[in-house]
Amino acid sequence: MNFEKVIFGFFILLAATLNFGFFIGPIDDPAVHDILELFGAIVVSLIATMLKFGDRTQIGAIHLATSLVADLQLIAAAMVWGYATHITGNDPLTPVDIARVVSLSGGAFLANAVSVTMLVAETMMQRR
């Protein structure tokens, strides 16, 4: 067993599950979308992105691209949250504000799902 691949797979799956945990629930209900879960999803997604650097294969490039998309969308979601609470003063968030944040995290979740699907397909194609 390759421990490096275990860590790589762990962070890819953890990024996807944290993102899914934030994304799931009514899109306009701020009570079910926790800022700490969004923060955790961002941190783990950035760690997963760092682990994807250095792979010089074509599938590695696609893994990196999906991770960068997820990072961009999650950071944008955090910026929308910050803007809504600190600039416009909407605390608690309005349904429109939280819908924007959740929509952005949904895009990141889609990118994470593509990455996980590629990881599983790549694993299935490897021969011993």
N, C-alpha and C. Protein backbone atom coordinates (compact mmCIF):
# COMPACT_ATOMS: atom_id res chain seq x y z
N MET A 1 0.85 -1.17 0.00
CA MET A 1 0.00 0.00 0.00
C MET A 1 0.90 1.24 0.00
N ASN A 2 0.56 2.19 -0.84
CA ASN A 2 1.33 3.43 -0.96
C ASN A 2 0.70 4.47 -0.03
N PHE A 3 1.43 4.83 1.04
CA PHE A 3 0.90 5.76 2.04
C PHE A 3 0.63 7.14 1.45
N GLU A 4 1.44 7.55 0.47
CA GLU A 4 1.23 8.85 -0.18
C GLU A 4 -0.11 8.89 -0.91
N LYS A 5 -0.48 7.79 -1.55
CA LYS A 5 -1.77 7.73 -2.24
C LYS A 5 -2.93 7.69 -1.25
N VAL A 6 -2.71 7.09 -0.09
CA VAL A 6 -3.74 7.08 0.95
C VAL A 6 -4.02 8.50 1.42
N ILE A 7 -2.97 9.26 1.69
CA ILE A 7 -3.13 10.65 2.13
C ILE A 7 -3.80 11.48 1.04
N PHE A 8 -3.37 11.28 -0.21
CA PHE A 8 -3.94 11.99 -1.35
C PHE A 8 -5.45 11.72 -1.45
N GLY A 9 -5.82 10.45 -1.43
CA GLY A 9 -7.23 10.08 -1.51
C GLY A 9 -8.03 10.57 -0.32
N PHE A 10 -7.42 10.52 0.87
CA PHE A 10 -8.08 10.99 2.08
C PHE A 10 -8.48 12.45 1.95
N PHE A 11 -7.55 13.30 1.53
CA PHE A 11 -7.85 14.72 1.45
C PHE A 11 -8.83 15.05 0.32
N ILE A 12 -8.77 14.31 -0.78
CA ILE A 12 -9.74 14.53 -1.85
C ILE A 12 -11.15 14.20 -1.36
N LEU A 13 -11.28 13.05 -0.71
CA LEU A 13 -12.60 12.65 -0.20
C LEU A 13 -13.07 13.55 0.95
N LEU A 14 -12.16 13.95 1.82
CA LEU A 14 -12.54 14.83 2.92
C LEU A 14 -13.01 16.19 2.40
N ALA A 15 -12.32 16.71 1.39
CA ALA A 15 -12.74 17.99 0.80
C ALA A 15 -14.15 17.87 0.22
N ALA A 16 -14.41 16.76 -0.47
CA ALA A 16 -15.74 16.57 -1.07
C ALA A 16 -16.82 16.41 0.00
N THR A 17 -16.54 15.66 1.06
CA THR A 17 -17.57 15.42 2.07
C THR A 17 -17.84 16.66 2.91
N LEU A 18 -16.80 17.43 3.23
CA LEU A 18 -17.04 18.69 3.96
C LEU A 18 -17.84 19.66 3.11
N ASN A 19 -17.50 19.74 1.84
CA ASN A 19 -18.24 20.62 0.94
C ASN A 19 -19.70 20.17 0.83
N PHE A 20 -19.91 18.86 0.70
CA PHE A 20 -21.27 18.32 0.62
C PHE A 20 -22.04 18.62 1.90
N GLY A 21 -21.38 18.48 3.05
CA GLY A 21 -22.04 18.76 4.32
C GLY A 21 -22.49 20.20 4.43
N PHE A 22 -21.70 21.12 3.89
CA PHE A 22 -22.12 22.52 3.90
C PHE A 22 -23.24 22.76 2.89
N PHE A 23 -23.15 22.12 1.75
CA PHE A 23 -24.08 22.36 0.64
C PHE A 23 -25.48 21.80 0.89
N ILE A 24 -25.56 20.67 1.55
CA ILE A 24 -26.85 19.97 1.71
C ILE A 24 -27.78 20.76 2.63
N GLY A 25 -29.04 20.76 2.30
CA GLY A 25 -30.04 21.45 3.10
C GLY A 25 -30.77 22.48 2.27
N PRO A 26 -31.81 23.06 2.82
CA PRO A 26 -32.54 24.11 2.09
C PRO A 26 -31.60 25.25 1.72
N ILE A 27 -31.65 25.65 0.47
CA ILE A 27 -30.69 26.62 -0.05
C ILE A 27 -30.81 27.99 0.61
N ASP A 28 -31.97 28.33 1.13
CA ASP A 28 -32.17 29.68 1.67
C ASP A 28 -32.27 29.72 3.19
N ASP A 29 -31.89 28.65 3.87
CA ASP A 29 -31.99 28.59 5.33
C ASP A 29 -30.60 28.70 5.96
N PRO A 30 -30.26 29.87 6.51
CA PRO A 30 -28.93 30.05 7.10
C PRO A 30 -28.66 29.14 8.31
N ALA A 31 -29.69 28.63 8.92
CA ALA A 31 -29.51 27.80 10.12
C ALA A 31 -28.84 26.46 9.81
N VAL A 32 -28.94 25.97 8.58
CA VAL A 32 -28.38 24.66 8.26
C VAL A 32 -27.04 24.75 7.52
N HIS A 33 -26.54 25.95 7.29
CA HIS A 33 -25.27 26.14 6.60
C HIS A 33 -24.33 26.89 7.53
N ASP A 34 -23.40 26.14 8.12
CA ASP A 34 -22.52 26.66 9.16
C ASP A 34 -21.24 27.25 8.57
N ILE A 35 -20.86 28.41 9.02
CA ILE A 35 -19.65 29.08 8.53
C ILE A 35 -18.40 28.27 8.84
N LEU A 36 -18.38 27.56 9.98
CA LEU A 36 -17.20 26.76 10.31
C LEU A 36 -17.04 25.59 9.36
N GLU A 37 -18.14 25.04 8.90
CA GLU A 37 -18.05 23.95 7.92
C GLU A 37 -17.54 24.47 6.58
N LEU A 38 -17.96 25.67 6.21
CA LEU A 38 -17.43 26.29 4.99
C LEU A 38 -15.93 26.54 5.14
N PHE A 39 -15.52 27.05 6.30
CA PHE A 39 -14.11 27.29 6.55
C PHE A 39 -13.31 25.99 6.48
N GLY A 40 -13.83 24.94 7.09
CA GLY A 40 -13.17 23.63 7.03
C GLY A 40 -13.06 23.11 5.61
N ALA A 41 -14.11 23.30 4.83
CA ALA A 41 -14.08 22.86 3.43
C ALA A 41 -13.01 23.62 2.65
N ILE A 42 -12.87 24.92 2.92
CA ILE A 42 -11.85 25.71 2.24
C ILE A 42 -10.45 25.23 2.61
N VAL A 43 -10.20 25.05 3.89
CA VAL A 43 -8.87 24.63 4.34
C VAL A 43 -8.49 23.27 3.76
N VAL A 44 -9.39 22.31 3.86
CA VAL A 44 -9.09 20.97 3.36
C VAL A 44 -8.96 20.98 1.83
N SER A 45 -9.76 21.79 1.16
CA SER A 45 -9.65 21.90 -0.29
C SER A 45 -8.30 22.48 -0.70
N LEU A 46 -7.82 23.46 0.04
CA LEU A 46 -6.50 24.03 -0.25
C LEU A 46 -5.39 23.02 0.00
N ILE A 47 -5.52 22.22 1.05
CA ILE A 47 -4.54 21.16 1.31
C ILE A 47 -4.55 20.14 0.17
N ALA A 48 -5.74 19.75 -0.26
CA ALA A 48 -5.86 18.80 -1.38
C ALA A 48 -5.23 19.37 -2.65
N THR A 49 -5.39 20.66 -2.86
CA THR A 49 -4.78 21.30 -4.03
C THR A 49 -3.26 21.23 -3.95
N MET A 50 -2.71 21.50 -2.78
CA MET A 50 -1.25 21.43 -2.63
C MET A 50 -0.73 20.02 -2.90
N LEU A 51 -1.49 19.02 -2.51
CA LEU A 51 -1.05 17.64 -2.73
C LEU A 51 -1.07 17.27 -4.22
N LYS A 52 -1.84 18.00 -5.01
CA LYS A 52 -1.97 17.69 -6.43
C LYS A 52 -0.86 18.31 -7.27
N PHE A 53 -0.12 19.25 -6.69
CA PHE A 53 1.03 19.82 -7.41
C PHE A 53 2.11 18.77 -7.52
N GLY A 54 2.80 18.76 -8.61
CA GLY A 54 3.91 17.84 -8.79
C GLY A 54 3.58 16.63 -9.64
N ASP A 55 2.31 16.30 -9.79
CA ASP A 55 1.92 15.19 -10.65
C ASP A 55 1.96 15.69 -12.10
N ARG A 56 2.83 15.11 -12.89
CA ARG A 56 3.05 15.61 -14.25
C ARG A 56 2.28 14.83 -15.31
N THR A 57 1.28 14.07 -14.89
CA THR A 57 0.49 13.32 -15.86
C THR A 57 -0.71 14.15 -16.32
N GLN A 58 -1.36 13.70 -17.38
CA GLN A 58 -2.54 14.40 -17.87
C GLN A 58 -3.67 14.35 -16.85
N ILE A 59 -3.86 13.20 -16.25
CA ILE A 59 -4.93 13.10 -15.24
C ILE A 59 -4.59 13.94 -14.01
N GLY A 60 -3.29 14.07 -13.71
CA GLY A 60 -2.88 14.94 -12.61
C GLY A 60 -3.21 16.40 -12.89
N ALA A 61 -3.07 16.80 -14.16
CA ALA A 61 -3.42 18.16 -14.55
C ALA A 61 -4.91 18.41 -14.39
N ILE A 62 -5.72 17.42 -14.73
CA ILE A 62 -7.17 17.57 -14.59
C ILE A 62 -7.55 17.57 -13.10
N HIS A 63 -6.89 16.74 -12.31
CA HIS A 63 -7.11 16.77 -10.85
C HIS A 63 -6.81 18.16 -10.29
N LEU A 64 -5.70 18.73 -10.72
CA LEU A 64 -5.33 20.06 -10.24
C LEU A 64 -6.35 21.10 -10.69
N ALA A 65 -6.80 21.00 -11.93
CA ALA A 65 -7.78 21.96 -12.44
C ALA A 65 -9.09 21.88 -11.66
N THR A 66 -9.57 20.69 -11.38
CA THR A 66 -10.82 20.56 -10.62
C THR A 66 -10.64 21.11 -9.20
N SER A 67 -9.48 20.90 -8.63
CA SER A 67 -9.22 21.39 -7.29
C SER A 67 -9.14 22.92 -7.27
N LEU A 68 -8.53 23.50 -8.28
CA LEU A 68 -8.46 24.96 -8.36
C LEU A 68 -9.85 25.58 -8.53
N VAL A 69 -10.69 24.92 -9.32
CA VAL A 69 -12.08 25.40 -9.48
C VAL A 69 -12.81 25.35 -8.14
N ALA A 70 -12.66 24.24 -7.42
CA ALA A 70 -13.32 24.12 -6.12
C ALA A 70 -12.82 25.20 -5.15
N ASP A 71 -11.49 25.41 -5.14
CA ASP A 71 -10.93 26.45 -4.27
C ASP A 71 -11.51 27.82 -4.61
N LEU A 72 -11.52 28.14 -5.87
CA LEU A 72 -12.03 29.44 -6.32
C LEU A 72 -13.48 29.64 -5.90
N GLN A 73 -14.29 28.61 -6.09
CA GLN A 73 -15.71 28.74 -5.75
C GLN A 73 -15.92 28.84 -4.23
N LEU A 74 -15.17 28.06 -3.47
CA LEU A 74 -15.32 28.12 -2.01
C LEU A 74 -14.83 29.45 -1.45
N ILE A 75 -13.74 29.96 -1.99
CA ILE A 75 -13.25 31.26 -1.53
C ILE A 75 -14.24 32.36 -1.92
N ALA A 76 -14.81 32.26 -3.11
CA ALA A 76 -15.83 33.23 -3.52
C ALA A 76 -17.04 33.16 -2.60
N ALA A 77 -17.43 31.96 -2.20
CA ALA A 77 -18.56 31.80 -1.27
C ALA A 77 -18.25 32.47 0.07
N ALA A 78 -17.02 32.29 0.56
CA ALA A 78 -16.63 32.93 1.81
C ALA A 78 -16.61 34.45 1.68
N MET A 79 -16.19 34.93 0.52
CA MET A 79 -16.16 36.38 0.30
C MET A 79 -17.58 36.95 0.25
N VAL A 80 -18.50 36.23 -0.37
CA VAL A 80 -19.90 36.67 -0.40
C VAL A 80 -20.45 36.69 1.02
N TRP A 81 -20.15 35.66 1.80
CA TRP A 81 -20.59 35.61 3.19
C TRP A 81 -20.04 36.79 3.96
N GLY A 82 -18.73 37.04 3.82
CA GLY A 82 -18.10 38.16 4.51
C GLY A 82 -18.68 39.50 4.08
N TYR A 83 -18.91 39.67 2.80
CA TYR A 83 -19.49 40.91 2.30
C TYR A 83 -20.88 41.12 2.87
N ALA A 84 -21.67 40.05 2.87
CA ALA A 84 -23.05 40.17 3.35
C ALA A 84 -23.10 40.50 4.84
N THR A 85 -22.20 39.94 5.63
CA THR A 85 -22.26 40.18 7.07
C THR A 85 -21.52 41.43 7.51
N HIS A 86 -20.38 41.74 6.88
CA HIS A 86 -19.56 42.85 7.38
C HIS A 86 -19.73 44.15 6.60
N ILE A 87 -20.05 44.08 5.34
CA ILE A 87 -20.19 45.30 4.55
C ILE A 87 -21.65 45.77 4.55
N THR A 88 -22.57 44.85 4.23
CA THR A 88 -23.98 45.24 4.19
C THR A 88 -24.65 45.11 5.56
N GLY A 89 -24.03 44.40 6.48
CA GLY A 89 -24.56 44.30 7.84
C GLY A 89 -25.73 43.33 7.99
N ASN A 90 -25.85 42.38 7.09
CA ASN A 90 -26.94 41.40 7.18
C ASN A 90 -26.53 40.25 8.11
N ASP A 91 -26.73 40.44 9.40
CA ASP A 91 -26.42 39.36 10.33
C ASP A 91 -27.62 39.13 11.22
N PRO A 92 -28.35 38.07 11.10
CA PRO A 92 -28.05 36.88 10.31
C PRO A 92 -28.25 37.12 8.82
N LEU A 93 -27.68 36.21 8.05
CA LEU A 93 -27.78 36.33 6.59
C LEU A 93 -29.22 36.23 6.12
N THR A 94 -29.51 36.97 5.08
CA THR A 94 -30.84 36.87 4.46
C THR A 94 -30.90 35.61 3.60
N PRO A 95 -32.10 35.14 3.28
CA PRO A 95 -32.20 33.97 2.40
C PRO A 95 -31.51 34.16 1.05
N VAL A 96 -31.54 35.37 0.52
CA VAL A 96 -30.86 35.63 -0.77
C VAL A 96 -29.35 35.50 -0.61
N ASP A 97 -28.81 36.04 0.48
CA ASP A 97 -27.36 35.96 0.71
C ASP A 97 -26.90 34.52 0.87
N ILE A 98 -27.61 33.76 1.69
CA ILE A 98 -27.19 32.37 1.91
C ILE A 98 -27.38 31.55 0.65
N ALA A 99 -28.38 31.87 -0.17
CA ALA A 99 -28.57 31.16 -1.43
C ALA A 99 -27.38 31.38 -2.36
N ARG A 100 -26.85 32.58 -2.36
CA ARG A 100 -25.65 32.86 -3.18
C ARG A 100 -24.46 32.04 -2.69
N VAL A 101 -24.27 32.01 -1.39
CA VAL A 101 -23.15 31.27 -0.82
C VAL A 101 -23.28 29.78 -1.12
N VAL A 102 -24.48 29.24 -0.90
CA VAL A 102 -24.71 27.80 -1.12
C VAL A 102 -24.59 27.46 -2.60
N SER A 103 -25.03 28.34 -3.48
CA SER A 103 -24.88 28.09 -4.92
C SER A 103 -23.42 27.99 -5.32
N LEU A 104 -22.59 28.87 -4.79
CA LEU A 104 -21.17 28.81 -5.08
C LEU A 104 -20.54 27.53 -4.53
N SER A 105 -20.96 27.13 -3.34
CA SER A 105 -20.41 25.89 -2.78
C SER A 105 -20.91 24.68 -3.57
N GLY A 106 -22.09 24.80 -4.20
CA GLY A 106 -22.58 23.72 -5.06
C GLY A 106 -21.69 23.53 -6.28
N GLY A 107 -21.22 24.63 -6.85
CA GLY A 107 -20.27 24.53 -7.96
C GLY A 107 -18.98 23.86 -7.52
N ALA A 108 -18.51 24.21 -6.33
CA ALA A 108 -17.30 23.57 -5.79
C ALA A 108 -17.54 22.09 -5.55
N PHE A 109 -18.73 21.75 -5.07
CA PHE A 109 -19.04 20.34 -4.85
C PHE A 109 -19.03 19.56 -6.16
N LEU A 110 -19.53 20.16 -7.22
CA LEU A 110 -19.50 19.49 -8.52
C LEU A 110 -18.05 19.24 -8.95
N ALA A 111 -17.18 20.23 -8.77
CA ALA A 111 -15.77 20.05 -9.11
C ALA A 111 -15.14 18.95 -8.25
N ASN A 112 -15.49 18.90 -6.96
CA ASN A 112 -14.99 17.84 -6.09
C ASN A 112 -15.51 16.47 -6.51
N ALA A 113 -16.76 16.42 -6.95
CA ALA A 113 -17.33 15.15 -7.41
C ALA A 113 -16.61 14.64 -8.66
N VAL A 114 -16.26 15.55 -9.55
CA VAL A 114 -15.49 15.16 -10.74
C VAL A 114 -14.14 14.61 -10.31
N SER A 115 -13.50 15.27 -9.37
CA SER A 115 -12.19 14.83 -8.88
C SER A 115 -12.26 13.44 -8.23
N VAL A 116 -13.28 13.23 -7.42
CA VAL A 116 -13.44 11.92 -6.77
C VAL A 116 -13.72 10.84 -7.82
N THR A 117 -14.56 11.15 -8.81
CA THR A 117 -14.86 10.19 -9.87
C THR A 117 -13.59 9.84 -10.64
N MET A 118 -12.77 10.84 -10.93
CA MET A 118 -11.51 10.57 -11.62
C MET A 118 -10.58 9.73 -10.77
N LEU A 119 -10.53 9.99 -9.48
CA LEU A 119 -9.69 9.22 -8.58
C LEU A 119 -10.11 7.75 -8.57
N VAL A 120 -11.40 7.51 -8.48
CA VAL A 120 -11.90 6.13 -8.49
C VAL A 120 -11.61 5.46 -9.84
N ALA A 121 -11.86 6.17 -10.93
CA ALA A 121 -11.59 5.61 -12.27
C ALA A 121 -10.11 5.31 -12.45
N GLU A 122 -9.25 6.20 -11.99
CA GLU A 122 -7.83 6.00 -12.11
C GLU A 122 -7.39 4.79 -11.28
N THR A 123 -7.96 4.63 -10.11
CA THR A 123 -7.63 3.49 -9.25
C THR A 123 -8.09 2.19 -9.89
N MET A 124 -9.27 2.20 -10.50
CA MET A 124 -9.80 0.98 -11.12
C MET A 124 -8.97 0.57 -12.34
N MET A 125 -8.36 1.53 -13.02
CA MET A 125 -7.60 1.24 -14.23
C MET A 125 -6.18 0.75 -13.93
N GLN A 126 -5.68 0.97 -12.73
CA GLN A 126 -4.32 0.53 -12.39
C GLN A 126 -4.27 -0.97 -12.23
N ARG A 127 -3.19 -1.50 -12.72
CA ARG A 127 -2.96 -2.94 -12.59
C ARG A 127 -1.86 -3.16 -11.57
N ARG A 128 -1.90 -4.28 -10.95
CA ARG A 128 -0.89 -4.61 -9.93
C ARG A 128 0.38 -5.06 -10.55
